Amino acid sequence: MKFYYTYILKSIKDNKLYTGSTKNLQERFEQHCKGKVFSTKHRRPLELIYYEACLNENDARRRERVFKSYRGKMFIKRRLKSYFTG
């Protein structure tokens, strides 16, 4: 079974979050860490703080758009409350 992932990275440098989606989470995270992704190149080091797996690529991309919205950001802050306050 093939999965598609929506993920959230946190920049240790500036504490900002980055949201993306991919079909190979491990490979994509390595690309971010090596500076091969323009959006996060200057925000390294990064840590993977959250991901969800979907069975359909469209669902993963739709979830990415949700996470980038105000409501999605509030969902993540509630979901990872102990991470952000701990």
Protein backbone atom coordinates (compact mmCIF):
# COMPACT_ATOMS: atom_id res chain seq x y z
CA MET A 1 0.00 0.00 0.00
CA LYS A 2 1.36 3.41 -0.98
CA PHE A 3 0.97 6.42 1.27
CA TYR A 4 1.17 10.16 0.66
CA TYR A 5 2.28 12.34 3.53
CA THR A 6 1.52 15.79 4.82
CA TYR A 7 4.23 16.98 7.17
CA ILE A 8 5.28 19.89 9.34
CA LEU A 9 8.85 20.93 9.97
CA LYS A 10 10.07 23.33 12.62
CA SER A 11 13.11 25.51 12.02
CA ILE A 12 15.45 25.43 15.00
CA LYS A 13 17.02 28.61 13.64
CA ASP A 14 13.89 30.82 13.65
CA ASN A 15 11.21 28.60 15.30
CA LYS A 16 8.91 28.93 12.28
CA LEU A 17 6.90 26.06 10.82
CA TYR A 18 6.95 24.76 7.26
CA THR A 19 4.18 22.57 5.86
CA GLY A 20 4.49 20.31 2.82
CA SER A 21 3.34 17.06 1.25
CA THR A 22 5.19 14.24 -0.46
CA LYS A 23 5.03 10.60 -1.44
CA ASN A 24 8.39 9.79 0.18
CA LEU A 25 8.66 11.41 3.59
CA GLN A 26 12.15 10.19 4.48
CA GLU A 27 13.66 11.32 1.18
CA ARG A 28 11.91 14.69 1.30
CA PHE A 29 13.04 15.34 4.88
CA GLU A 30 16.63 14.54 3.86
CA GLN A 31 16.34 17.03 0.99
CA HIS A 32 15.18 19.70 3.43
CA CYS A 33 18.04 18.91 5.83
CA LYS A 34 20.67 19.04 3.07
CA GLY A 35 19.46 22.45 1.87
CA LYS A 36 18.08 21.18 -1.44
CA VAL A 37 14.65 22.78 -0.91
CA PHE A 38 14.59 26.51 -1.62
CA SER A 39 11.83 27.27 0.90
CA THR A 40 13.75 25.88 3.86
CA LYS A 41 17.35 26.21 2.69
CA HIS A 42 18.15 29.19 4.92
CA ARG A 43 16.07 27.99 7.87
CA ARG A 44 18.14 24.92 8.76
CA PRO A 45 18.50 22.98 10.99
CA LEU A 46 15.00 21.53 10.86
CA GLU A 47 13.11 18.93 12.79
CA LEU A 48 10.10 16.91 11.71
CA ILE A 49 7.45 17.57 14.34
CA TYR A 50 4.28 16.12 12.76
CA TYR A 51 3.06 14.07 9.82
CA GLU A 52 -0.08 12.37 8.58
CA ALA A 53 -0.36 9.55 6.06
CA CYS A 54 -3.09 9.51 3.41
CA LEU A 55 -4.02 6.86 0.86
CA ASN A 56 -4.62 9.44 -1.86
CA GLU A 57 -2.32 12.21 -3.07
CA ASN A 58 -5.21 14.67 -3.42
CA ASP A 59 -6.15 14.10 0.22
CA ALA A 60 -2.57 14.80 1.33
CA ARG A 61 -2.43 18.02 -0.70
CA ARG A 62 -5.82 19.09 0.60
CA ARG A 63 -4.63 18.49 4.17
CA GLU A 64 -1.51 20.56 3.42
CA ARG A 65 -3.73 23.48 2.39
CA VAL A 66 -5.73 23.08 5.61
CA PHE A 67 -2.56 23.18 7.73
CA LYS A 68 -1.47 26.37 5.99
CA SER A 69 -4.76 28.10 6.90
CA TYR A 70 -5.44 29.87 10.17
CA ARG A 71 -7.71 27.04 11.37
CA GLY A 72 -5.09 24.48 10.43
CA LYS A 73 -2.39 26.32 12.36
CA MET A 74 -4.66 26.42 15.41
CA PHE A 75 -5.31 22.67 15.02
CA ILE A 76 -1.57 21.95 15.03
CA LYS A 77 -0.98 24.17 18.06
CA ARG A 78 -3.74 22.34 19.96
CA ARG A 79 -2.62 18.91 18.72
CA LEU A 80 1.01 19.53 19.72
CA LYS A 81 0.25 21.65 22.78
CA SER A 82 2.66 19.78 25.06
CA TYR A 83 5.40 20.03 22.42
CA PHE A 84 5.07 23.81 22.17
CA THR A 85 4.71 24.41 25.92
CA GLY A 86 7.13 21.72 27.14
